[in-house]
């Protein structure tokens, strides 16, 4: 697929029309249909067409029930669409899913991303202690995951916890070349 070639070259915008055309022509039982849903949802997300991406994502989930990638996108898009309560529920559900090897090979940080997104939802809802608790869980599970340190630093600065914020900044500066 030409779209896949463009993805390998990190040219998502050029890949999108090829995925869209493949999607339109693909029979319902084609093995690549799942990947087409994921790529198209990604493309719509990149274009900030959140409602369209969420609609397509849910159509994909009707076919590929319980798919971890599409469920992650659904949770993220739900938050982007402004429904923090449902987004929180979806991320909490996502974190209970068994992680298949194929999803972790594609993105080994996906569980940390999901938990960090849940933490950010909690913070936006004014649930600082719940958000911070999720962030600390990430630190325990994956201490080298830098985005968690950025979020913790921002949280601690906002709370006036300067010593902790400084420690997070040190973690980030050591990790950055």
N, C-alpha and C. Protein backbone atom coordinates (compact mmCIF):
# COMPACT_ATOMS: atom_id res chain seq x y z
N UNK A 1 0.84 -1.18 0.00
CA UNK A 1 0.00 0.00 0.00
C UNK A 1 0.89 1.25 0.00
N UNK A 2 0.57 2.16 -0.85
CA UNK A 2 1.35 3.40 -0.94
C UNK A 2 1.24 4.20 0.36
N UNK A 3 0.06 4.15 0.98
CA UNK A 3 -0.12 4.84 2.26
C UNK A 3 0.87 4.37 3.30
N UNK A 4 1.10 3.07 3.37
CA UNK A 4 2.05 2.52 4.33
C UNK A 4 3.46 3.02 4.04
N UNK A 5 3.80 3.13 2.77
CA UNK A 5 5.12 3.67 2.39
C UNK A 5 5.28 5.10 2.89
N UNK A 6 4.25 5.90 2.73
CA UNK A 6 4.31 7.27 3.23
C UNK A 6 4.46 7.30 4.75
N UNK A 7 3.80 6.37 5.44
CA UNK A 7 3.95 6.32 6.90
C UNK A 7 5.39 6.01 7.28
N UNK A 8 6.00 5.06 6.60
CA UNK A 8 7.39 4.71 6.87
C UNK A 8 8.29 5.93 6.67
N UNK A 9 7.93 6.78 5.73
CA UNK A 9 8.70 8.00 5.47
C UNK A 9 8.27 9.17 6.36
N UNK A 10 7.39 8.87 7.36
CA UNK A 10 6.89 9.88 8.30
C UNK A 10 6.14 11.00 7.59
N UNK A 11 5.39 10.66 6.59
CA UNK A 11 4.59 11.63 5.83
C UNK A 11 3.12 11.24 5.93
N UNK A 12 2.57 11.43 7.15
CA UNK A 12 1.20 11.02 7.42
C UNK A 12 0.18 11.71 6.53
N UNK A 13 0.37 12.99 6.28
CA UNK A 13 -0.61 13.73 5.47
C UNK A 13 -0.73 13.14 4.06
N UNK A 14 0.39 12.71 3.51
CA UNK A 14 0.35 12.12 2.17
C UNK A 14 -0.24 10.71 2.20
N UNK A 15 -0.12 10.03 3.32
CA UNK A 15 -0.63 8.66 3.44
C UNK A 15 -2.16 8.63 3.56
N UNK A 16 -2.72 9.65 4.17
CA UNK A 16 -4.14 9.65 4.50
C UNK A 16 -5.06 9.38 3.30
N UNK A 17 -4.89 10.07 2.16
CA UNK A 17 -5.80 9.80 1.03
C UNK A 17 -5.74 8.35 0.53
N UNK A 18 -4.57 7.73 0.60
CA UNK A 18 -4.44 6.34 0.16
C UNK A 18 -5.17 5.39 1.13
N UNK A 19 -5.05 5.68 2.42
CA UNK A 19 -5.77 4.87 3.40
C UNK A 19 -7.28 5.05 3.22
N UNK A 20 -7.68 6.28 2.98
CA UNK A 20 -9.11 6.57 2.80
C UNK A 20 -9.66 5.81 1.59
N UNK A 21 -8.93 5.83 0.50
CA UNK A 21 -9.38 5.14 -0.72
C UNK A 21 -9.40 3.62 -0.49
N UNK A 22 -8.38 3.09 0.16
CA UNK A 22 -8.35 1.66 0.48
C UNK A 22 -9.54 1.28 1.36
N UNK A 23 -9.85 2.14 2.31
CA UNK A 23 -10.97 1.91 3.22
C UNK A 23 -12.29 1.84 2.45
N UNK A 24 -12.45 2.77 1.51
CA UNK A 24 -13.68 2.82 0.71
C UNK A 24 -13.84 1.56 -0.14
N UNK A 25 -12.74 1.00 -0.63
CA UNK A 25 -12.79 -0.13 -1.54
C UNK A 25 -12.67 -1.49 -0.85
N UNK A 26 -12.28 -1.49 0.40
CA UNK A 26 -12.00 -2.76 1.09
C UNK A 26 -13.28 -3.53 1.39
N UNK A 27 -13.29 -4.83 1.08
CA UNK A 27 -14.42 -5.65 1.48
C UNK A 27 -14.43 -5.78 3.01
N UNK A 28 -15.59 -5.99 3.62
CA UNK A 28 -15.69 -6.02 5.09
C UNK A 28 -14.83 -7.09 5.77
N UNK A 29 -14.45 -8.13 5.04
CA UNK A 29 -13.68 -9.19 5.66
C UNK A 29 -12.18 -9.11 5.36
N UNK A 30 -11.74 -7.99 4.82
CA UNK A 30 -10.31 -7.87 4.48
C UNK A 30 -9.46 -7.81 5.75
N UNK A 31 -8.32 -8.50 5.75
CA UNK A 31 -7.48 -8.52 6.95
C UNK A 31 -6.91 -7.14 7.33
N UNK A 32 -6.81 -6.22 6.38
CA UNK A 32 -6.20 -4.92 6.69
C UNK A 32 -7.21 -3.89 7.19
N UNK A 33 -8.47 -4.27 7.29
CA UNK A 33 -9.50 -3.30 7.67
C UNK A 33 -9.21 -2.66 9.03
N UNK A 34 -8.77 -3.47 9.98
CA UNK A 34 -8.45 -2.92 11.30
C UNK A 34 -7.38 -1.83 11.21
N UNK A 35 -6.29 -2.10 10.47
CA UNK A 35 -5.22 -1.11 10.33
C UNK A 35 -5.73 0.14 9.65
N UNK A 36 -6.62 -0.02 8.67
CA UNK A 36 -7.17 1.15 7.99
C UNK A 36 -7.96 2.02 8.96
N UNK A 37 -8.76 1.39 9.81
CA UNK A 37 -9.48 2.18 10.83
C UNK A 37 -8.50 2.95 11.70
N UNK A 38 -7.47 2.28 12.18
CA UNK A 38 -6.49 2.94 13.06
C UNK A 38 -5.80 4.09 12.34
N UNK A 39 -5.36 3.86 11.10
CA UNK A 39 -4.66 4.91 10.36
C UNK A 39 -5.58 6.09 10.06
N UNK A 40 -6.82 5.81 9.70
CA UNK A 40 -7.75 6.91 9.39
C UNK A 40 -8.11 7.70 10.65
N UNK A 41 -8.32 7.01 11.75
CA UNK A 41 -8.60 7.72 13.01
C UNK A 41 -7.40 8.60 13.37
N UNK A 42 -6.18 8.05 13.22
CA UNK A 42 -4.97 8.84 13.47
C UNK A 42 -4.94 10.09 12.59
N UNK A 43 -5.23 9.90 11.31
CA UNK A 43 -5.20 11.03 10.37
C UNK A 43 -6.22 12.10 10.71
N UNK A 44 -7.43 11.67 11.05
CA UNK A 44 -8.46 12.65 11.43
C UNK A 44 -8.08 13.36 12.72
N UNK A 45 -7.46 12.64 13.65
CA UNK A 45 -7.00 13.24 14.89
C UNK A 45 -5.94 14.30 14.60
N UNK A 46 -4.99 13.96 13.75
CA UNK A 46 -3.93 14.91 13.39
C UNK A 46 -4.50 16.19 12.77
N UNK A 47 -5.59 16.03 12.03
CA UNK A 47 -6.24 17.19 11.41
C UNK A 47 -7.18 17.91 12.39
N UNK A 48 -7.21 17.44 13.62
CA UNK A 48 -8.06 17.98 14.69
C UNK A 48 -9.55 17.88 14.34
N UNK A 49 -9.90 16.85 13.62
CA UNK A 49 -11.30 16.55 13.31
C UNK A 49 -11.77 15.51 14.32
N UNK A 50 -11.88 15.95 15.58
CA UNK A 50 -12.11 15.03 16.69
C UNK A 50 -13.44 14.30 16.61
N UNK A 51 -14.50 15.00 16.27
CA UNK A 51 -15.81 14.35 16.21
C UNK A 51 -15.86 13.31 15.10
N UNK A 52 -15.30 13.64 13.96
CA UNK A 52 -15.25 12.68 12.84
C UNK A 52 -14.39 11.47 13.21
N UNK A 53 -13.26 11.73 13.86
CA UNK A 53 -12.37 10.65 14.27
C UNK A 53 -13.07 9.75 15.30
N UNK A 54 -13.78 10.36 16.23
CA UNK A 54 -14.49 9.59 17.26
C UNK A 54 -15.59 8.75 16.63
N UNK A 55 -16.32 9.31 15.68
CA UNK A 55 -17.36 8.55 15.00
C UNK A 55 -16.77 7.35 14.27
N UNK A 56 -15.71 7.57 13.52
CA UNK A 56 -15.06 6.48 12.78
C UNK A 56 -14.49 5.44 13.75
N UNK A 57 -13.91 5.90 14.82
CA UNK A 57 -13.35 5.00 15.83
C UNK A 57 -14.44 4.09 16.40
N UNK A 58 -15.58 4.66 16.72
CA UNK A 58 -16.69 3.86 17.27
C UNK A 58 -17.24 2.89 16.24
N UNK A 59 -17.24 3.29 14.97
CA UNK A 59 -17.65 2.35 13.92
C UNK A 59 -16.67 1.18 13.85
N UNK A 60 -15.38 1.49 14.01
CA UNK A 60 -14.37 0.43 14.03
C UNK A 60 -14.54 -0.49 15.23
N UNK A 61 -14.88 0.09 16.38
CA UNK A 61 -15.07 -0.72 17.59
C UNK A 61 -16.30 -1.62 17.49
N UNK A 62 -17.28 -1.22 16.68
CA UNK A 62 -18.45 -2.08 16.46
C UNK A 62 -18.03 -3.38 15.76
N UNK A 63 -16.97 -3.29 14.96
CA UNK A 63 -16.47 -4.47 14.24
C UNK A 63 -15.39 -5.17 15.05
N UNK A 64 -14.46 -4.39 15.59
CA UNK A 64 -13.30 -4.93 16.31
C UNK A 64 -13.47 -4.66 17.80
N UNK A 65 -14.46 -5.31 18.39
CA UNK A 65 -14.79 -5.09 19.80
C UNK A 65 -13.58 -5.39 20.69
N UNK A 66 -13.34 -4.51 21.63
CA UNK A 66 -12.25 -4.72 22.59
C UNK A 66 -10.86 -4.45 22.05
N UNK A 67 -10.75 -3.88 20.85
CA UNK A 67 -9.43 -3.59 20.28
C UNK A 67 -8.74 -2.50 21.09
N UNK A 68 -7.55 -2.78 21.58
CA UNK A 68 -6.85 -1.86 22.48
C UNK A 68 -6.51 -0.53 21.81
N UNK A 69 -6.06 -0.57 20.55
CA UNK A 69 -5.69 0.68 19.87
C UNK A 69 -6.92 1.57 19.67
N UNK A 70 -8.00 0.98 19.17
CA UNK A 70 -9.20 1.79 18.94
C UNK A 70 -9.82 2.27 20.25
N UNK A 71 -9.76 1.44 21.29
CA UNK A 71 -10.28 1.87 22.60
C UNK A 71 -9.45 3.02 23.17
N UNK A 72 -8.13 2.98 22.96
CA UNK A 72 -7.28 4.08 23.40
C UNK A 72 -7.67 5.37 22.67
N UNK A 73 -7.85 5.24 21.36
CA UNK A 73 -8.25 6.41 20.57
C UNK A 73 -9.62 6.92 21.02
N UNK A 74 -10.55 6.01 21.28
CA UNK A 74 -11.88 6.44 21.71
C UNK A 74 -11.78 7.24 23.01
N UNK A 75 -11.00 6.76 23.96
CA UNK A 75 -10.85 7.48 25.23
C UNK A 75 -10.22 8.85 25.01
N UNK A 76 -9.16 8.90 24.22
CA UNK A 76 -8.47 10.17 23.95
C UNK A 76 -9.39 11.15 23.24
N UNK A 77 -10.10 10.67 22.25
CA UNK A 77 -11.00 11.54 21.47
C UNK A 77 -12.19 12.00 22.29
N UNK A 78 -12.65 11.17 23.19
CA UNK A 78 -13.75 11.55 24.07
C UNK A 78 -13.32 12.71 24.97
N UNK A 79 -12.10 12.63 25.49
CA UNK A 79 -11.56 13.73 26.30
C UNK A 79 -11.41 14.98 25.44
N UNK A 80 -10.84 14.82 24.24
CA UNK A 80 -10.67 15.97 23.33
C UNK A 80 -12.01 16.62 22.99
N UNK A 81 -13.06 15.81 22.95
CA UNK A 81 -14.39 16.33 22.64
C UNK A 81 -15.05 17.00 23.84
N UNK A 82 -14.39 16.93 25.00
CA UNK A 82 -14.88 17.65 26.17
C UNK A 82 -15.62 16.81 27.20
N UNK A 83 -15.80 15.52 26.97
CA UNK A 83 -16.52 14.68 27.93
C UNK A 83 -15.50 14.01 28.85
N UNK A 84 -15.10 14.74 29.88
CA UNK A 84 -14.06 14.24 30.79
C UNK A 84 -14.54 13.04 31.59
N UNK A 85 -15.79 13.05 31.99
CA UNK A 85 -16.32 11.95 32.80
C UNK A 85 -16.29 10.63 32.03
N UNK A 86 -16.79 10.65 30.80
CA UNK A 86 -16.76 9.44 29.99
C UNK A 86 -15.33 9.08 29.62
N UNK A 87 -14.50 10.08 29.31
CA UNK A 87 -13.10 9.81 29.01
C UNK A 87 -12.40 9.12 30.18
N UNK A 88 -12.69 9.58 31.39
CA UNK A 88 -12.13 8.95 32.59
C UNK A 88 -12.54 7.48 32.66
N UNK A 89 -13.82 7.21 32.45
CA UNK A 89 -14.30 5.82 32.48
C UNK A 89 -13.63 4.97 31.41
N UNK A 90 -13.49 5.53 30.23
CA UNK A 90 -12.88 4.78 29.13
C UNK A 90 -11.41 4.47 29.39
N UNK A 91 -10.67 5.44 29.93
CA UNK A 91 -9.26 5.16 30.26
C UNK A 91 -9.16 4.15 31.40
N UNK A 92 -10.05 4.25 32.39
CA UNK A 92 -10.02 3.27 33.47
C UNK A 92 -10.31 1.88 32.93
N UNK A 93 -11.27 1.77 32.02
CA UNK A 93 -11.56 0.49 31.39
C UNK A 93 -10.35 0.01 30.59
N UNK A 94 -9.73 0.91 29.83
CA UNK A 94 -8.57 0.55 29.00
C UNK A 94 -7.47 -0.07 29.86
N UNK A 95 -7.26 0.49 31.05
CA UNK A 95 -6.19 0.01 31.92
C UNK A 95 -6.47 -1.39 32.48
N UNK A 96 -7.70 -1.89 32.35
CA UNK A 96 -8.02 -3.24 32.81
C UNK A 96 -7.86 -4.28 31.70
N UNK A 97 -7.63 -3.83 30.47
CA UNK A 97 -7.52 -4.75 29.34
C UNK A 97 -6.25 -5.59 29.43
N UNK A 98 -6.32 -6.85 29.01
CA UNK A 98 -5.08 -7.61 28.89
C UNK A 98 -4.28 -7.07 27.71
N UNK A 99 -3.02 -6.83 27.92
CA UNK A 99 -2.18 -6.27 26.86
C UNK A 99 -1.55 -7.39 26.05
N UNK A 100 -1.95 -7.48 24.82
CA UNK A 100 -1.34 -8.45 23.92
C UNK A 100 0.03 -7.98 23.49
N UNK A 101 0.86 -8.93 23.16
CA UNK A 101 2.23 -8.63 22.77
C UNK A 101 2.28 -7.72 21.54
N UNK A 102 1.33 -7.91 20.61
CA UNK A 102 1.36 -7.12 19.37
C UNK A 102 1.17 -5.62 19.64
N UNK A 103 0.35 -5.26 20.61
CA UNK A 103 0.14 -3.84 20.91
C UNK A 103 1.38 -3.25 21.59
N UNK A 104 2.02 -4.02 22.45
CA UNK A 104 3.19 -3.51 23.16
C UNK A 104 4.41 -3.43 22.25
N UNK A 105 4.47 -4.26 21.23
CA UNK A 105 5.55 -4.17 20.26
C UNK A 105 5.41 -2.87 19.47
N UNK A 106 4.17 -2.52 19.12
CA UNK A 106 3.93 -1.28 18.36
C UNK A 106 4.25 -0.06 19.21
N UNK A 107 3.87 -0.08 20.48
CA UNK A 107 4.12 1.06 21.36
C UNK A 107 4.24 0.58 22.80
N UNK A 108 5.46 0.32 23.25
CA UNK A 108 5.64 -0.19 24.62
C UNK A 108 5.24 0.81 25.70
N UNK A 109 5.07 2.07 25.33
CA UNK A 109 4.69 3.10 26.31
C UNK A 109 3.17 3.31 26.37
N UNK A 110 2.42 2.57 25.58
CA UNK A 110 0.97 2.82 25.53
C UNK A 110 0.29 2.70 26.90
N UNK A 111 0.62 1.71 27.73
CA UNK A 111 0.00 1.69 29.07
C UNK A 111 0.33 2.94 29.89
N UNK A 112 1.56 3.42 29.79
CA UNK A 112 1.93 4.64 30.52
C UNK A 112 1.21 5.85 29.95
N UNK A 113 1.06 5.89 28.63
CA UNK A 113 0.32 7.00 28.00
C UNK A 113 -1.13 7.00 28.46
N UNK A 114 -1.73 5.83 28.52
CA UNK A 114 -3.14 5.74 28.96
C UNK A 114 -3.27 6.20 30.40
N UNK A 115 -2.37 5.74 31.25
CA UNK A 115 -2.43 6.14 32.67
C UNK A 115 -2.15 7.63 32.82
N UNK A 116 -1.21 8.18 32.02
CA UNK A 116 -0.93 9.60 32.10
C UNK A 116 -2.14 10.41 31.61
N UNK A 117 -2.78 9.94 30.56
CA UNK A 117 -3.98 10.62 30.09
C UNK A 117 -5.07 10.60 31.16
N UNK A 118 -5.21 9.47 31.84
CA UNK A 118 -6.18 9.39 32.93
C UNK A 118 -5.80 10.38 34.03
N UNK A 119 -4.52 10.46 34.35
CA UNK A 119 -4.06 11.41 35.37
C UNK A 119 -4.39 12.84 34.96
N UNK A 120 -4.18 13.17 33.69
CA UNK A 120 -4.47 14.52 33.21
C UNK A 120 -5.97 14.81 33.25
N UNK A 121 -6.78 13.81 33.00
CA UNK A 121 -8.24 13.98 33.13
C UNK A 121 -8.58 14.30 34.58
N UNK A 122 -8.00 13.53 35.50
CA UNK A 122 -8.23 13.79 36.92
C UNK A 122 -7.82 15.23 37.29
N UNK A 123 -6.67 15.65 36.80
CA UNK A 123 -6.19 17.00 37.11
C UNK A 123 -7.15 18.05 36.55
N UNK A 124 -7.63 17.84 35.33
CA UNK A 124 -8.58 18.79 34.73
C UNK A 124 -9.90 18.81 35.47
N UNK A 125 -10.25 17.69 36.12
CA UNK A 125 -11.48 17.61 36.89
C UNK A 125 -11.31 18.16 38.31
N UNK A 126 -10.10 18.59 38.65
CA UNK A 126 -9.84 19.11 39.99
C UNK A 126 -9.54 18.02 41.00
N UNK A 127 -9.23 16.82 40.54
CA UNK A 127 -8.91 15.70 41.42
C UNK A 127 -7.39 15.52 41.46
N UNK A 128 -6.71 16.48 42.07
CA UNK A 128 -5.25 16.50 42.04
C UNK A 128 -4.63 15.26 42.69
N UNK A 129 -5.18 14.82 43.82
CA UNK A 129 -4.56 13.67 44.50
C UNK A 129 -4.71 12.40 43.67
N UNK A 130 -5.87 12.23 43.00
CA UNK A 130 -6.05 11.05 42.14
C UNK A 130 -5.11 11.13 40.94
N UNK A 131 -4.99 12.31 40.36
CA UNK A 131 -4.08 12.48 39.23
C UNK A 131 -2.65 12.19 39.61
N UNK A 132 -2.22 12.75 40.74
CA UNK A 132 -0.85 12.53 41.18
C UNK A 132 -0.60 11.06 41.49
N UNK A 133 -1.59 10.40 42.05
CA UNK A 133 -1.46 8.97 42.35
C UNK A 133 -1.22 8.16 41.07
N UNK A 134 -1.95 8.47 40.01
CA UNK A 134 -1.75 7.78 38.72
C UNK A 134 -0.34 8.06 38.19
N UNK A 135 0.13 9.28 38.33
CA UNK A 135 1.47 9.63 37.86
C UNK A 135 2.54 8.87 38.63
N UNK A 136 2.35 8.72 39.93
CA UNK A 136 3.31 7.97 40.74
C UNK A 136 3.31 6.48 40.37
N UNK A 137 2.14 5.97 39.97
CA UNK A 137 2.08 4.58 39.51
C UNK A 137 2.94 4.41 38.26
N UNK A 138 2.89 5.39 37.36
CA UNK A 138 3.73 5.32 36.16
C UNK A 138 5.21 5.33 36.55
N UNK A 139 5.57 6.20 37.48
CA UNK A 139 6.97 6.28 37.92
C UNK A 139 7.43 4.93 38.47
N UNK A 140 6.55 4.25 39.21
CA UNK A 140 6.91 2.94 39.75
C UNK A 140 7.08 1.90 38.65
N UNK A 141 6.18 1.95 37.65
CA UNK A 141 6.19 0.94 36.59
C UNK A 141 7.22 1.23 35.50
N UNK A 142 7.42 2.52 35.22
CA UNK A 142 8.29 2.89 34.10
C UNK A 142 9.01 4.21 34.42
N UNK A 143 9.98 4.18 35.32
CA UNK A 143 10.63 5.42 35.77
C UNK A 143 11.35 6.19 34.67
N UNK A 144 11.65 5.55 33.55
CA UNK A 144 12.35 6.24 32.46
C UNK A 144 11.39 6.90 31.47
N UNK A 145 10.11 6.86 31.76
CA UNK A 145 9.10 7.48 30.88
C UNK A 145 9.07 8.99 31.17
N UNK A 146 9.75 9.76 30.32
CA UNK A 146 9.96 11.19 30.58
C UNK A 146 8.70 12.04 30.64
N UNK A 147 7.68 11.80 29.82
CA UNK A 147 6.49 12.66 29.92
C UNK A 147 5.87 12.70 31.31
N UNK A 148 5.99 11.61 32.07
CA UNK A 148 5.43 11.63 33.41
C UNK A 148 6.16 12.63 34.30
N UNK A 149 7.46 12.75 34.10
CA UNK A 149 8.24 13.72 34.89
C UNK A 149 7.88 15.15 34.50
N UNK A 150 7.59 15.37 33.23
CA UNK A 150 7.15 16.71 32.80
C UNK A 150 5.82 17.08 33.45
N UNK A 151 4.90 16.12 33.48
CA UNK A 151 3.59 16.39 34.08
C UNK A 151 3.71 16.58 35.58
N UNK A 152 4.51 15.75 36.23
CA UNK A 152 4.71 15.92 37.67
C UNK A 152 5.33 17.28 37.98
N UNK A 153 6.31 17.66 37.18
CA UNK A 153 6.96 18.97 37.40
C UNK A 153 5.94 20.10 37.29
N UNK A 154 5.12 20.06 36.25
CA UNK A 154 4.09 21.10 36.08
C UNK A 154 3.12 21.11 37.25
N UNK A 155 2.70 19.93 37.69
CA UNK A 155 1.77 19.83 38.82
C UNK A 155 2.40 20.42 40.08
N UNK A 156 3.63 20.02 40.35
CA UNK A 156 4.29 20.48 41.56
C UNK A 156 4.58 21.98 41.52
N UNK A 157 4.92 22.52 40.37
CA UNK A 157 5.10 23.96 40.25
C UNK A 157 3.80 24.68 40.55
N UNK A 158 2.73 24.17 39.99
CA UNK A 158 1.40 24.78 40.20
C UNK A 158 1.00 24.74 41.67
N UNK A 159 1.43 23.69 42.36
CA UNK A 159 1.10 23.54 43.78
C UNK A 159 2.10 24.22 44.71
N UNK A 160 3.15 24.81 44.13
CA UNK A 160 4.17 25.48 44.93
C UNK A 160 5.13 24.52 45.62
N UNK A 161 5.21 23.30 45.14
CA UNK A 161 6.11 22.30 45.71
C UNK A 161 7.43 22.34 44.93
N UNK A 162 8.19 23.40 45.21
CA UNK A 162 9.37 23.73 44.41
C UNK A 162 10.48 22.69 44.49
N UNK A 163 10.71 22.12 45.66
CA UNK A 163 11.78 21.14 45.79
C UNK A 163 11.48 19.90 44.93
N UNK A 164 10.25 19.45 44.97
CA UNK A 164 9.87 18.28 44.16
C UNK A 164 9.93 18.62 42.66
N UNK A 165 9.49 19.83 42.33
CA UNK A 165 9.54 20.27 40.93
C UNK A 165 10.99 20.32 40.44
N UNK A 166 11.87 20.76 41.30
CA UNK A 166 13.29 20.82 40.94
C UNK A 166 13.87 19.42 40.73
N UNK A 167 13.46 18.47 41.56
CA UNK A 167 13.91 17.08 41.39
C UNK A 167 13.43 16.51 40.05
N UNK A 168 12.19 16.81 39.69
CA UNK A 168 11.66 16.36 38.39
C UNK A 168 12.45 17.00 37.25
N UNK A 169 12.77 18.28 37.41
CA UNK A 169 13.56 18.97 36.38
C UNK A 169 14.94 18.34 36.23
N UNK A 170 15.53 17.95 37.33
CA UNK A 170 16.84 17.27 37.28
C UNK A 170 16.73 15.95 36.53
N UNK A 171 15.66 15.22 36.80
CA UNK A 171 15.43 13.95 36.09
C UNK A 171 15.37 14.19 34.59
N UNK A 172 14.66 15.24 34.23
CA UNK A 172 14.51 15.55 32.79
C UNK A 172 15.83 16.00 32.17
N UNK A 173 16.60 16.80 32.88
CA UNK A 173 17.85 17.30 32.31
C UNK A 173 18.89 16.20 32.19
N UNK A 174 18.89 15.24 33.10
CA UNK A 174 19.81 14.11 33.01
C UNK A 174 19.47 13.25 31.81
N UNK A 175 18.19 13.09 31.54
CA UNK A 175 17.74 12.24 30.43
C UNK A 175 17.92 12.91 29.08
N UNK A 176 17.92 14.25 29.05
CA UNK A 176 18.05 14.97 27.78
C UNK A 176 19.53 15.13 27.43
N UNK A 177 19.87 14.89 26.15
CA UNK A 177 21.28 15.05 25.75
C UNK A 177 21.71 16.49 25.70
